C-alpha atoms as a PDB file:
ATOM      1  CA  ASN A   1      94.873  98.315  89.614  1.00  0.00           C
ATOM      2  CA  ILE A   2      95.503  99.718  86.186  1.00  0.00           C
ATOM      3  CA  GLN A   3      92.551 102.111  86.378  1.00  0.00           C
ATOM      4  CA  GLU A   4      94.375 103.982  89.135  1.00  0.00           C
ATOM      5  CA  LEU A   5      96.671 105.346  86.429  1.00  0.00           C
ATOM      6  CA  ALA A   6      93.614 106.930  84.817  1.00  0.00           C
ATOM      7  CA  THR A   7      92.652 108.484  88.152  1.00  0.00           C
ATOM      8  CA  LEU A   8      96.142 109.931  88.602  1.00  0.00           C
ATOM      9  CA  ARG A   9      95.983 111.462  85.139  1.00  0.00           C
ATOM     10  CA  GLU A  10      92.411 112.759  85.431  1.00  0.00           C
ATOM     11  CA  LEU A  11      93.103 114.466  88.744  1.00  0.00           C
ATOM     12  CA  GLY A  12      96.676 115.487  87.899  1.00  0.00           C
ATOM     13  CA  LEU A  13      97.847 114.150  91.243  1.00  0.00           C
ATOM     14  CA  ASN A  14     101.438 114.541  92.399  1.00  0.00           C
ATOM     15  CA  VAL A  15     101.913 110.802  92.866  1.00  0.00           C
ATOM     16  CA  THR A  16     104.852 108.691  91.731  1.00  0.00           C
ATOM     17  CA  VAL A  17     104.262 104.970  91.216  1.00  0.00           C
ATOM     18  CA  PHE A  18     107.333 102.746  91.541  1.00  0.00           C
ATOM     19  CA  ILE A  19     107.460  99.325  89.900  1.00  0.00           C
ATOM     20  CA  LEU A  20     110.219  96.989  91.049  1.00  0.00           C
ATOM     21  CA  GLN A  21     110.375  94.732  87.993  1.00  0.00           C
ATOM     22  CA  ASN A  22     111.927  91.368  88.720  1.00  0.00           C
ATOM     23  CA  GLY A  23     110.169  89.243  86.110  1.00  0.00           C
ATOM     24  CA  SER A  24     108.442  87.171  88.762  1.00  0.00           C
ATOM     25  CA  LEU A  25     105.889  87.117  91.532  1.00  0.00           C
ATOM     26  CA  GLY A  26     108.664  88.101  93.920  1.00  0.00           C
ATOM     27  CA  MET A  27     107.081  87.280  97.261  1.00  0.00           C
ATOM     28  CA  VAL A  28     105.704  83.966  95.968  1.00  0.00           C
ATOM     29  CA  ARG A  29     109.099  83.064  94.531  1.00  0.00           C
ATOM     30  CA  GLN A  30     110.740  84.027  97.820  1.00  0.00           C
ATOM     31  CA  GLN A  31     108.446  81.704  99.778  1.00  0.00           C
ATOM     32  CA  GLN A  32     109.183  78.894  97.334  1.00  0.00           C
ATOM     33  CA  HIS A  33     112.894  79.562  97.861  1.00  0.00           C
ATOM     34  CA  PHE A  34     112.820  79.608 101.663  1.00  0.00           C
ATOM     35  CA  LEU A  35     110.047  77.137 102.407  1.00  0.00           C
ATOM     36  CA  PHE A  36     110.013  74.718  99.459  1.00  0.00           C
ATOM     37  CA  ASN A  37     113.708  74.182  98.684  1.00  0.00           C
ATOM     38  CA  ASP A  38     113.714  76.244  95.450  1.00  0.00           C
ATOM     39  CA  ASN A  39     110.849  74.214  93.984  1.00  0.00           C
ATOM     40  CA  PHE A  40     109.539  77.094  91.871  1.00  0.00           C
ATOM     41  CA  SER A  41     106.074  76.805  90.390  1.00  0.00           C
ATOM     42  CA  ALA A  42     104.220  79.494  88.409  1.00  0.00           C
ATOM     43  CA  SER A  43     106.219  82.291  90.008  1.00  0.00           C
ATOM     44  CA  GLU A  44     108.549  83.271  87.147  1.00  0.00           C
ATOM     45  CA  PHE A  45     107.268  85.074  84.054  1.00  0.00           C
ATOM     46  CA  GLY A  46     108.336  84.366  80.490  1.00  0.00           C
ATOM     47  CA  PHE A  47     106.656  87.598  79.385  1.00  0.00           C
ATOM     48  CA  VAL A  48     106.503  90.948  81.169  1.00  0.00           C
ATOM     49  CA  PRO A  49     104.258  93.808  79.994  1.00  0.00           C
ATOM     50  CA  ASP A  50     105.827  97.087  78.917  1.00  0.00           C
ATOM     51  CA  PHE A  51     104.787  99.141  81.938  1.00  0.00           C
ATOM     52  CA  LEU A  52     106.422 102.279  80.517  1.00  0.00           C
ATOM     53  CA  GLN A  53     104.226 102.154  77.403  1.00  0.00           C
ATOM     54  CA  LEU A  54     101.218 101.331  79.529  1.00  0.00           C
ATOM     55  CA  ALA A  55     101.712 104.436  81.690  1.00  0.00           C
ATOM     56  CA  ARG A  56     102.339 106.590  78.631  1.00  0.00           C
ATOM     57  CA  GLY A  57      99.074 105.287  77.186  1.00  0.00           C
ATOM     58  CA  PHE A  58      97.335 106.896  80.143  1.00  0.00           C
ATOM     59  CA  GLY A  59      99.247 110.140  79.572  1.00  0.00           C
ATOM     60  CA  ILE A  60     101.558 109.616  82.538  1.00  0.00           C
ATOM     61  CA  ASP A  61     105.258 110.421  82.416  1.00  0.00           C
ATOM     62  CA  ALA A  62     107.132 107.098  82.509  1.00  0.00           C
ATOM     63  CA  ILE A  63     110.794 106.773  83.462  1.00  0.00           C
ATOM     64  CA  ASN A  64     113.152 103.801  83.291  1.00  0.00           C
ATOM     65  CA  ALA A  65     115.452 104.390  86.276  1.00  0.00           C
ATOM     66  CA  ASN A  66     118.003 101.915  84.932  1.00  0.00           C
ATOM     67  CA  GLU A  67     118.491 104.003  81.774  1.00  0.00           C
ATOM     68  CA  ASP A  68     117.900 107.606  82.904  1.00  0.00           C
ATOM     69  CA  LYS A  69     120.464 109.131  85.274  1.00  0.00           C
ATOM     70  CA  GLN A  70     118.081 112.020  86.007  1.00  0.00           C
ATOM     71  CA  TRP A  71     115.225 109.705  87.048  1.00  0.00           C
ATOM     72  CA  PHE A  72     115.123 110.867  90.673  1.00  0.00           C
ATOM     73  CA  LYS A  73     114.731 114.521  89.760  1.00  0.00           C
ATOM     74  CA  LYS A  74     112.069 113.717  87.144  1.00  0.00           C
ATOM     75  CA  ALA A  75     110.179 111.325  89.428  1.00  0.00           C
ATOM     76  CA  PHE A  76     109.422 114.029  91.958  1.00  0.00           C
ATOM     77  CA  ALA A  77     108.503 116.809  89.559  1.00  0.00           C
ATOM     78  CA  LYS A  78     104.919 118.051  89.587  1.00  0.00           C
ATOM     79  CA  GLY A  79     102.271 115.672  88.239  1.00  0.00           C
ATOM     80  CA  PRO A  80     101.855 111.893  88.072  1.00  0.00           C
ATOM     81  CA  HIS A  81     104.818 109.676  87.187  1.00  0.00           C
ATOM     82  CA  LEU A  82     105.685 106.011  86.910  1.00  0.00           C
ATOM     83  CA  VAL A  83     109.241 104.839  87.615  1.00  0.00           C
ATOM     84  CA  LEU A  84     110.381 101.390  86.520  1.00  0.00           C
ATOM     85  CA  LEU A  85     113.344  99.833  88.317  1.00  0.00           C
ATOM     86  CA  ASN A  86     114.610  96.499  87.003  1.00  0.00           C
ATOM     87  CA  ILE A  87     115.940  94.286  89.777  1.00  0.00           C
ATOM     88  CA  ASN A  88     117.309  90.759  89.965  1.00  0.00           C
ATOM     89  CA  MET A  89     114.574  88.179  90.564  1.00  0.00           C
ATOM     90  CA  GLU A  90     116.775  86.515  93.177  1.00  0.00           C
ATOM     91  CA  GLU A  91     116.644  89.576  95.449  1.00  0.00           C
ATOM     92  CA  ASN A  92     114.591  88.790  98.524  1.00  0.00           C
ATOM     93  CA  VAL A  93     112.608  90.969 100.903  1.00  0.00           C
ATOM     94  CA  LEU A  94     114.166  90.522 104.311  1.00  0.00           C
ATOM     95  CA  PRO A  95     113.503  90.015 107.111  1.00  0.00           C
ATOM     96  CA  PHE A  96     110.973  87.336 106.161  1.00  0.00           C
ATOM     97  CA  VAL A  97     108.474  85.888 108.649  1.00  0.00           C
ATOM     98  CA  LYS A  98     107.074  82.435 107.925  1.00  0.00           C
ATOM     99  CA  ALA A  99     103.297  82.078 108.212  1.00  0.00           C
ATOM    100  CA  GLY A 100     102.342  81.313 111.798  1.00  0.00           C
ATOM    101  CA  SER A 101     105.749  82.321 113.157  1.00  0.00           C
ATOM    102  CA  ALA A 102     106.581  85.114 115.556  1.00  0.00           C
ATOM    103  CA  ASN A 103     108.333  88.239 114.301  1.00  0.00           C
ATOM    104  CA  ILE A 104     111.344  87.415 116.485  1.00  0.00           C
ATOM    105  CA  ASP A 105     111.812  84.240 114.417  1.00  0.00           C
ATOM    106  CA  ALA A 106     112.203  86.135 111.130  1.00  0.00           C
ATOM    107  CA  LEU A 107     114.636  84.858 108.501  1.00  0.00           C
ATOM    108  CA  ARG A 108     117.327  87.462 107.922  1.00  0.00           C
ATOM    109  CA  ASP A 109     119.463  85.937 105.156  1.00  0.00           C
END
Protein backbone atom coordinates (compact mmCIF):
# COMPACT_ATOMS: atom_id res chain seq x y z
CA ASN A 1 0.00 0.00 0.00
CA ILE A 2 1.27 3.43 -0.88
CA GLN A 3 0.59 4.82 2.60
CA GLU A 4 3.29 2.51 3.94
CA LEU A 5 5.82 4.85 2.33
CA ALA A 6 4.47 7.62 4.56
CA THR A 7 4.88 5.37 7.61
CA LEU A 8 8.48 4.59 6.68
CA ARG A 9 9.23 8.29 6.34
CA GLU A 10 7.37 9.37 9.49
CA LEU A 11 9.13 6.78 11.64
CA GLY A 12 12.47 7.00 9.82
CA LEU A 13 12.61 3.22 9.63
CA ASN A 14 15.63 1.40 8.23
CA VAL A 15 13.58 -0.42 5.61
CA THR A 16 14.40 -0.86 1.93
CA VAL A 17 11.51 -1.52 -0.45
CA PHE A 18 12.41 -3.35 -3.67
CA ILE A 19 10.22 -3.07 -6.76
CA LEU A 20 10.83 -5.61 -9.51
CA GLN A 21 9.37 -3.66 -12.43
CA ASN A 22 8.39 -5.86 -15.33
CA GLY A 23 5.58 -3.79 -16.83
CA SER A 24 3.02 -6.47 -16.07
CA LEU A 25 1.14 -8.35 -13.39
CA GLY A 26 3.98 -10.87 -13.38
CA MET A 27 2.36 -13.78 -11.57
CA VAL A 28 -0.88 -13.40 -13.54
CA ARG A 29 1.05 -13.26 -16.80
CA GLN A 30 3.04 -16.32 -15.74
CA GLN A 31 -0.14 -18.31 -15.10
CA GLN A 32 -1.49 -17.25 -18.48
CA HIS A 33 1.78 -18.43 -20.04
CA PHE A 34 1.89 -21.84 -18.35
CA LEU A 35 -1.80 -22.66 -18.04
CA PHE A 36 -3.50 -20.82 -20.91
CA ASN A 37 -1.08 -21.23 -23.82
CA ASP A 38 0.15 -17.60 -23.80
CA ASN A 39 -3.39 -16.25 -24.08
CA PHE A 40 -2.59 -13.02 -22.23
CA SER A 41 -5.46 -10.91 -20.98
CA ALA A 42 -5.19 -7.72 -18.88
CA SER A 43 -1.80 -8.71 -17.51
CA GLU A 44 0.50 -6.37 -19.46
CA PHE A 45 0.59 -2.63 -18.78
CA GLY A 46 0.81 0.08 -21.41
CA PHE A 47 1.60 2.62 -18.68
CA VAL A 48 3.73 2.19 -15.56
CA PRO A 49 3.84 4.80 -12.77
CA ASP A 50 7.12 6.51 -11.95
CA PHE A 51 7.78 4.74 -8.65
CA LEU A 52 11.01 6.69 -8.11
CA GLN A 53 9.15 10.02 -8.20
CA LEU A 54 6.41 8.57 -6.05
CA ALA A 55 8.88 7.56 -3.32
CA ARG A 56 10.65 10.91 -3.54
CA GLY A 57 7.27 12.59 -3.07
CA PHE A 58 7.11 10.90 0.32
CA GLY A 59 10.64 12.05 1.13
CA ILE A 60 12.16 8.61 0.64
CA ASP A 61 15.49 8.06 -1.09
CA ALA A 62 14.76 6.37 -4.43
CA ILE A 63 17.36 4.47 -6.45
CA ASN A 64 17.21 3.01 -9.95
CA ALA A 65 19.44 -0.06 -9.67
CA ASN A 66 19.72 -0.34 -13.45
CA GLU A 67 21.34 3.12 -13.66
CA ASP A 68 23.27 3.48 -10.39
CA LYS A 69 26.29 1.21 -9.89
CA GLN A 70 26.39 2.14 -6.19
CA TRP A 71 22.76 1.12 -5.60
CA PHE A 72 23.57 -1.73 -3.22
CA LYS A 73 25.61 0.45 -0.89
CA LYS A 74 22.97 3.21 -0.95
CA ALA A 75 20.07 0.79 -0.46
CA PHE A 76 21.34 -0.38 2.90
CA ALA A 77 22.37 2.98 4.32
CA LYS A 78 20.46 4.28 7.32
CA GLY A 79 16.85 5.35 6.73
CA PRO A 80 14.07 4.31 4.35
CA HIS A 81 14.85 3.60 0.69
CA LEU A 82 13.11 2.37 -2.43
CA VAL A 83 15.07 0.44 -5.06
CA LEU A 84 13.65 -0.04 -8.55
CA LEU A 85 14.95 -2.94 -10.62
CA ASN A 86 13.70 -3.22 -14.20
CA ILE A 87 13.37 -6.82 -15.32
CA ASN A 88 12.12 -8.55 -18.45
CA MET A 89 8.39 -9.29 -18.30
CA GLU A 90 9.07 -12.78 -19.65
CA GLU A 91 11.05 -13.75 -16.53
CA ASN A 92 9.09 -16.29 -14.53
CA VAL A 93 9.09 -17.19 -10.85
CA LEU A 94 10.10 -20.82 -10.64
CA PRO A 95 9.37 -23.36 -9.40
CA PHE A 96 5.68 -22.79 -10.10
CA VAL A 97 2.93 -24.91 -8.52
CA LYS A 98 -0.41 -25.09 -10.33
CA ALA A 99 -3.49 -24.52 -8.18
CA GLY A 100 -4.59 -27.79 -6.60
CA SER A 101 -1.30 -29.53 -7.39
CA ALA A 102 1.24 -30.95 -4.98
CA ASN A 103 4.56 -29.18 -4.45
CA ILE A 104 6.38 -32.20 -5.89
CA ASP A 105 4.60 -31.53 -9.20
CA ALA A 106 6.01 -28.01 -9.54
CA LEU A 107 6.93 -26.68 -12.99
CA ARG A 108 10.64 -25.94 -13.08
CA ASP A 109 11.17 -24.49 -16.57
